Amino acid sequence: MSRTEKMKFIRLIEGAEMSISDALAQCDVPRSTYYRWKRNLKNMGTRGLEDNKPHRTRTWNQLLPH
């Protein structure tokens, strides 16, 4: 999900007529994911909702290209 989609999703869940648990179950999003997004939004603003893909570095015993 993109940053804007996550933001819209959080606002949608907050404004839902039903409980957060029921709304998350309908959308098939784990509670831990929702609360992590919400915590990141609170602590870091919209930058906290960016995807943090793992950065793969070279392994210590990998052969060099040459």
PDB file of N, CA and C in Angstrom:
ATOM      1  N   MET A   1       0.830  -1.173   0.000  1.00  0.00           N
ATOM      2  CA  MET A   1       0.000   0.000   0.000  1.00  0.00           C
ATOM      3  C   MET A   1       0.874   1.235   0.000  1.00  0.00           C
ATOM      4  N   SER A   2       0.434   2.238  -0.700  1.00  0.00           N
ATOM      5  CA  SER A   2       1.199   3.483  -0.719  1.00  0.00           C
ATOM      6  C   SER A   2       0.914   4.299   0.546  1.00  0.00           C
ATOM      7  N   ARG A   3       1.675   5.333   0.719  1.00  0.00           N
ATOM      8  CA  ARG A   3       1.526   6.182   1.898  1.00  0.00           C
ATOM      9  C   ARG A   3       0.134   6.808   1.950  1.00  0.00           C
ATOM     10  N   THR A   4      -0.373   7.300   0.823  1.00  0.00           N
ATOM     11  CA  THR A   4      -1.694   7.936   0.801  1.00  0.00           C
ATOM     12  C   THR A   4      -2.806   6.912   1.046  1.00  0.00           C
ATOM     13  N   GLU A   5      -2.630   5.699   0.523  1.00  0.00           N
ATOM     14  CA  GLU A   5      -3.628   4.655   0.764  1.00  0.00           C
ATOM     15  C   GLU A   5      -3.688   4.284   2.241  1.00  0.00           C
ATOM     16  N   LYS A   6      -2.531   4.209   2.884  1.00  0.00           N
ATOM     17  CA  LYS A   6      -2.493   3.898   4.313  1.00  0.00           C
ATOM     18  C   LYS A   6      -3.178   5.002   5.108  1.00  0.00           C
ATOM     19  N   MET A   7      -2.926   6.258   4.724  1.00  0.00           N
ATOM     20  CA  MET A   7      -3.534   7.390   5.411  1.00  0.00           C
ATOM     21  C   MET A   7      -5.056   7.346   5.269  1.00  0.00           C
ATOM     22  N   LYS A   8      -5.546   7.081   4.058  1.00  0.00           N
ATOM     23  CA  LYS A   8      -6.990   6.984   3.823  1.00  0.00           C
ATOM     24  C   LYS A   8      -7.578   5.826   4.615  1.00  0.00           C
ATOM     25  N   PHE A   9      -6.867   4.723   4.673  1.00  0.00           N
ATOM     26  CA  PHE A   9      -7.338   3.548   5.398  1.00  0.00           C
ATOM     27  C   PHE A   9      -7.477   3.848   6.887  1.00  0.00           C
ATOM     28  N   ILE A  10      -6.486   4.515   7.468  1.00  0.00           N
ATOM     29  CA  ILE A  10      -6.541   4.866   8.890  1.00  0.00           C
ATOM     30  C   ILE A  10      -7.739   5.761   9.152  1.00  0.00           C
ATOM     31  N   ARG A  11      -7.948   6.754   8.306  1.00  0.00           N
ATOM     32  CA  ARG A  11      -9.088   7.667   8.483  1.00  0.00           C
ATOM     33  C   ARG A  11     -10.414   6.931   8.317  1.00  0.00           C
ATOM     34  N   LEU A  12     -10.463   5.994   7.387  1.00  0.00           N
ATOM     35  CA  LEU A  12     -11.675   5.211   7.160  1.00  0.00           C
ATOM     36  C   LEU A  12     -12.016   4.373   8.378  1.00  0.00           C
ATOM     37  N   ILE A  13     -11.026   3.709   8.956  1.00  0.00           N
ATOM     38  CA  ILE A  13     -11.246   2.864  10.134  1.00  0.00           C
ATOM     39  C   ILE A  13     -11.661   3.713  11.331  1.00  0.00           C
ATOM     40  N   GLU A  14     -11.021   4.888  11.493  1.00  0.00           N
ATOM     41  CA  GLU A  14     -11.366   5.755  12.618  1.00  0.00           C
ATOM     42  C   GLU A  14     -12.797   6.273  12.508  1.00  0.00           C
ATOM     43  N   GLY A  15     -13.270   6.500  11.289  1.00  0.00           N
ATOM     44  CA  GLY A  15     -14.605   7.037  11.092  1.00  0.00           C
ATOM     45  C   GLY A  15     -15.686   5.986  10.927  1.00  0.00           C
ATOM     46  N   ALA A  16     -15.320   4.725  11.034  1.00  0.00           N
ATOM     47  CA  ALA A  16     -16.287   3.649  10.833  1.00  0.00           C
ATOM     48  C   ALA A  16     -17.292   3.606  11.982  1.00  0.00           C
ATOM     49  N   GLU A  17     -18.503   3.217  11.660  1.00  0.00           N
ATOM     50  CA  GLU A  17     -19.570   3.110  12.652  1.00  0.00           C
ATOM     51  C   GLU A  17     -19.349   1.908  13.579  1.00  0.00           C
ATOM     52  N   MET A  18     -18.644   0.892  13.096  1.00  0.00           N
ATOM     53  CA  MET A  18     -18.436  -0.324  13.883  1.00  0.00           C
ATOM     54  C   MET A  18     -17.122  -0.245  14.652  1.00  0.00           C
ATOM     55  N   SER A  19     -16.875  -1.237  15.458  1.00  0.00           N
ATOM     56  CA  SER A  19     -15.639  -1.256  16.243  1.00  0.00           C
ATOM     57  C   SER A  19     -14.429  -1.415  15.312  1.00  0.00           C
ATOM     58  N   ILE A  20     -13.285  -1.017  15.814  1.00  0.00           N
ATOM     59  CA  ILE A  20     -12.052  -1.109  15.030  1.00  0.00           C
ATOM     60  C   ILE A  20     -11.756  -2.561  14.677  1.00  0.00           C
ATOM     61  N   SER A  21     -11.946  -3.467  15.623  1.00  0.00           N
ATOM     62  CA  SER A  21     -11.679  -4.892  15.375  1.00  0.00           C
ATOM     63  C   SER A  21     -12.546  -5.433  14.248  1.00  0.00           C
ATOM     64  N   ASP A  22     -13.833  -5.089  14.261  1.00  0.00           N
ATOM     65  CA  ASP A  22     -14.739  -5.567  13.218  1.00  0.00           C
ATOM     66  C   ASP A  22     -14.375  -4.981  11.856  1.00  0.00           C
ATOM     67  N   ALA A  23     -14.036  -3.689  11.838  1.00  0.00           N
ATOM     68  CA  ALA A  23     -13.677  -3.036  10.580  1.00  0.00           C
ATOM     69  C   ALA A  23     -12.397  -3.637  10.003  1.00  0.00           C
ATOM     70  N   LEU A  24     -11.421  -3.912  10.856  1.00  0.00           N
ATOM     71  CA  LEU A  24     -10.164  -4.510  10.396  1.00  0.00           C
ATOM     72  C   LEU A  24     -10.389  -5.926   9.895  1.00  0.00           C
ATOM     73  N   ALA A  25     -11.273  -6.663  10.547  1.00  0.00           N
ATOM     74  CA  ALA A  25     -11.574  -8.025  10.106  1.00  0.00           C
ATOM     75  C   ALA A  25     -12.228  -8.004   8.725  1.00  0.00           C
ATOM     76  N   GLN A  26     -13.099  -7.042   8.489  1.00  0.00           N
ATOM     77  CA  GLN A  26     -13.743  -6.928   7.179  1.00  0.00           C
ATOM     78  C   GLN A  26     -12.733  -6.593   6.094  1.00  0.00           C
ATOM     79  N   CYS A  27     -11.766  -5.759   6.422  1.00  0.00           N
ATOM     80  CA  CYS A  27     -10.757  -5.342   5.444  1.00  0.00           C
ATOM     81  C   CYS A  27      -9.591  -6.315   5.366  1.00  0.00           C
ATOM     82  N   ASP A  28      -9.563  -7.309   6.246  1.00  0.00           N
ATOM     83  CA  ASP A  28      -8.510  -8.326   6.283  1.00  0.00           C
ATOM     84  C   ASP A  28      -7.125  -7.714   6.511  1.00  0.00           C
ATOM     85  N   VAL A  29      -7.077  -6.782   7.466  1.00  0.00           N
ATOM     86  CA  VAL A  29      -5.815  -6.160   7.861  1.00  0.00           C
ATOM     87  C   VAL A  29      -5.574  -6.517   9.325  1.00  0.00           C
ATOM     88  N   PRO A  30      -4.411  -7.047   9.651  1.00  0.00           N
ATOM     89  CA  PRO A  30      -4.126  -7.404  11.050  1.00  0.00           C
ATOM     90  C   PRO A  30      -4.130  -6.172  11.956  1.00  0.00           C
ATOM     91  N   ARG A  31      -4.576  -6.391  13.192  1.00  0.00           N
ATOM     92  CA  ARG A  31      -4.610  -5.291  14.164  1.00  0.00           C
ATOM     93  C   ARG A  31      -3.212  -4.713  14.377  1.00  0.00           C
ATOM     94  N   SER A  32      -2.214  -5.587  14.424  1.00  0.00           N
ATOM     95  CA  SER A  32      -0.844  -5.121  14.676  1.00  0.00           C
ATOM     96  C   SER A  32      -0.372  -4.182  13.566  1.00  0.00           C
ATOM     97  N   THR A  33      -0.744  -4.486  12.328  1.00  0.00           N
ATOM     98  CA  THR A  33      -0.356  -3.638  11.203  1.00  0.00           C
ATOM     99  C   THR A  33      -1.021  -2.280  11.315  1.00  0.00           C
ATOM    100  N   TYR A  34      -2.322  -2.265  11.599  1.00  0.00           N
ATOM    101  CA  TYR A  34      -3.057  -1.004  11.743  1.00  0.00           C
ATOM    102  C   TYR A  34      -2.457  -0.136  12.845  1.00  0.00           C
ATOM    103  N   TYR A  35      -2.211  -0.733  13.995  1.00  0.00           N
ATOM    104  CA  TYR A  35      -1.683   0.052  15.110  1.00  0.00           C
ATOM    105  C   TYR A  35      -0.234   0.482  14.868  1.00  0.00           C
ATOM    106  N   ARG A  36       0.535  -0.311  14.132  1.00  0.00           N
ATOM    107  CA  ARG A  36       1.903   0.108  13.770  1.00  0.00           C
ATOM    108  C   ARG A  36       1.845   1.316  12.848  1.00  0.00           C
ATOM    109  N   TRP A  37       0.954   1.276  11.831  1.00  0.00           N
ATOM    110  CA  TRP A  37       0.787   2.421  10.927  1.00  0.00           C
ATOM    111  C   TRP A  37       0.364   3.654  11.710  1.00  0.00           C
ATOM    112  N   LYS A  38      -0.577   3.471  12.626  1.00  0.00           N
ATOM    113  CA  LYS A  38      -1.092   4.592  13.407  1.00  0.00           C
ATOM    114  C   LYS A  38       0.004   5.179  14.300  1.00  0.00           C
ATOM    115  N   ARG A  39       0.807   4.306  14.928  1.00  0.00           N
ATOM    116  CA  ARG A  39       1.915   4.766  15.776  1.00  0.00           C
ATOM    117  C   ARG A  39       2.961   5.513  14.945  1.00  0.00           C
ATOM    118  N   ASN A  40       3.294   4.972  13.765  1.00  0.00           N
ATOM    119  CA  ASN A  40       4.266   5.637  12.893  1.00  0.00           C
ATOM    120  C   ASN A  40       3.751   6.985  12.422  1.00  0.00           C
ATOM    121  N   LEU A  41       2.455   7.063  12.127  1.00  0.00           N
ATOM    122  CA  LEU A  41       1.858   8.326  11.706  1.00  0.00           C
ATOM    123  C   LEU A  41       1.953   9.353  12.818  1.00  0.00           C
ATOM    124  N   LYS A  42       1.686   8.944  14.044  1.00  0.00           N
ATOM    125  CA  LYS A  42       1.749   9.854  15.189  1.00  0.00           C
ATOM    126  C   LYS A  42       3.173  10.322  15.454  1.00  0.00           C
ATOM    127  N   ASN A  43       4.130   9.402  15.388  1.00  0.00           N
ATOM    128  CA  ASN A  43       5.519   9.733  15.734  1.00  0.00           C
ATOM    129  C   ASN A  43       6.280  10.447  14.630  1.00  0.00           C
ATOM    130  N   MET A  44       6.059  10.037  13.367  1.00  0.00           N
ATOM    131  CA  MET A  44       6.868  10.571  12.272  1.00  0.00           C
ATOM    132  C   MET A  44       6.068  11.310  11.208  1.00  0.00           C
ATOM    133  N   GLY A  45       4.769  11.432  11.394  1.00  0.00           N
ATOM    134  CA  GLY A  45       3.944  12.085  10.381  1.00  0.00           C
ATOM    135  C   GLY A  45       3.764  11.171   9.179  1.00  0.00           C
ATOM    136  N   THR A  46       3.470  11.751   8.037  1.00  0.00           N
ATOM    137  CA  THR A  46       3.205  10.938   6.848  1.00  0.00           C
ATOM    138  C   THR A  46       4.452  10.195   6.365  1.00  0.00           C
ATOM    139  N   ARG A  47       5.638  10.663   6.725  1.00  0.00           N
ATOM    140  CA  ARG A  47       6.862   9.930   6.349  1.00  0.00           C
ATOM    141  C   ARG A  47       6.918   8.561   7.011  1.00  0.00           C
ATOM    142  N   GLY A  48       6.247   8.418   8.149  1.00  0.00           N
ATOM    143  CA  GLY A  48       6.224   7.149   8.859  1.00  0.00           C
ATOM    144  C   GLY A  48       5.418   6.082   8.147  1.00  0.00           C
ATOM    145  N   LEU A  49       4.604   6.487   7.164  1.00  0.00           N
ATOM    146  CA  LEU A  49       3.775   5.536   6.432  1.00  0.00           C
ATOM    147  C   LEU A  49       4.442   5.028   5.159  1.00  0.00           C
ATOM    148  N   GLU A  50       5.635   5.499   4.865  1.00  0.00           N
ATOM    149  CA  GLU A  50       6.355   5.026   3.675  1.00  0.00           C
ATOM    150  C   GLU A  50       6.771   3.576   3.872  1.00  0.00           C
ATOM    151  N   ASP A  51       6.880   2.854   2.766  1.00  0.00           N
ATOM    152  CA  ASP A  51       7.350   1.470   2.842  1.00  0.00           C
ATOM    153  C   ASP A  51       8.829   1.461   3.184  1.00  0.00           C
ATOM    154  N   ASN A  52       9.176   0.680   4.168  1.00  0.00           N
ATOM    155  CA  ASN A  52      10.573   0.532   4.567  1.00  0.00           C
ATOM    156  C   ASN A  52      11.056  -0.833   4.119  1.00  0.00           C
ATOM    157  N   LYS A  53      11.381  -0.924   2.854  1.00  0.00           N
ATOM    158  CA  LYS A  53      11.856  -2.193   2.317  1.00  0.00           C
ATOM    159  C   LYS A  53      13.250  -2.471   2.886  1.00  0.00           C
ATOM    160  N   PRO A  54      13.520  -3.711   3.211  1.00  0.00           N
ATOM    161  CA  PRO A  54      14.839  -4.019   3.774  1.00  0.00           C
ATOM    162  C   PRO A  54      15.954  -3.750   2.765  1.00  0.00           C
ATOM    163  N   HIS A  55      17.011  -3.181   3.251  1.00  0.00           N
ATOM    164  CA  HIS A  55      18.165  -2.865   2.410  1.00  0.00           C
ATOM    165  C   HIS A  55      19.136  -4.025   2.485  1.00  0.00           C
ATOM    166  N   ARG A  56      19.372  -4.644   1.355  1.00  0.00           N
ATOM    167  CA  ARG A  56      20.282  -5.783   1.338  1.00  0.00           C
ATOM    168  C   ARG A  56      21.698  -5.320   1.039  1.00  0.00           C
ATOM    169  N   THR A  57      22.572  -5.624   1.920  1.00  0.00           N
ATOM    170  CA  THR A  57      23.974  -5.270   1.711  1.00  0.00           C
ATOM    171  C   THR A  57      24.739  -6.504   1.256  1.00  0.00           C
ATOM    172  N   ARG A  58      25.943  -6.290   0.844  1.00  0.00           N
ATOM    173  CA  ARG A  58      26.787  -7.384   0.411  1.00  0.00           C
ATOM    174  C   ARG A  58      27.158  -8.248   1.611  1.00  0.00           C
ATOM    175  N   THR A  59      27.116  -9.524   1.442  1.00  0.00           N
ATOM    176  CA  THR A  59      27.490 -10.453   2.494  1.00  0.00           C
ATOM    177  C   THR A  59      28.991 -10.387   2.719  1.00  0.00           C
ATOM    178  N   TRP A  60      29.411 -10.640   3.928  1.00  0.00           N
ATOM    179  CA  TRP A  60      30.829 -10.485   4.267  1.00  0.00           C
ATOM    180  C   TRP A  60      31.730 -11.423   3.464  1.00  0.00           C
ATOM    181  N   ASN A  61      31.229 -12.568   3.011  1.00  0.00           N
ATOM    182  CA  ASN A  61      32.095 -13.497   2.286  1.00  0.00           C
ATOM    183  C   ASN A  61      31.741 -13.582   0.802  1.00  0.00           C
ATOM    184  N   GLN A  62      31.014 -12.617   0.288  1.00  0.00           N
ATOM    185  CA  GLN A  62      30.642 -12.620  -1.118  1.00  0.00           C
ATOM    186  C   GLN A  62      31.828 -12.227  -1.997  1.00  0.00           C
ATOM    187  N   LEU A  63      31.949 -12.906  -3.133  1.00  0.00           N
ATOM    188  CA  LEU A  63      33.033 -12.590  -4.046  1.00  0.00           C
ATOM    189  C   LEU A  63      32.780 -11.264  -4.734  1.00  0.00           C
ATOM    190  N   LEU A  64      33.856 -10.529  -4.965  1.00  0.00           N
ATOM    191  CA  LEU A  64      33.738  -9.256  -5.664  1.00  0.00           C
ATOM    192  C   LEU A  64      33.578  -9.501  -7.159  1.00  0.00           C
ATOM    193  N   PRO A  65      33.002  -8.539  -7.891  1.00  0.00           N
ATOM    194  CA  PRO A  65      32.765  -8.732  -9.318  1.00  0.00           C
ATOM    195  C   PRO A  65      34.040  -8.980 -10.140  1.00  0.00           C
ATOM    196  N   HIS A  66      35.155  -8.455  -9.722  1.00  0.00           N
ATOM    197  CA  HIS A  66      36.387  -8.636 -10.492  1.00  0.00           C
ATOM    198  C   HIS A  66      37.082  -9.836  -9.939  1.00  0.00           C
TER     199      HIS A  66
END
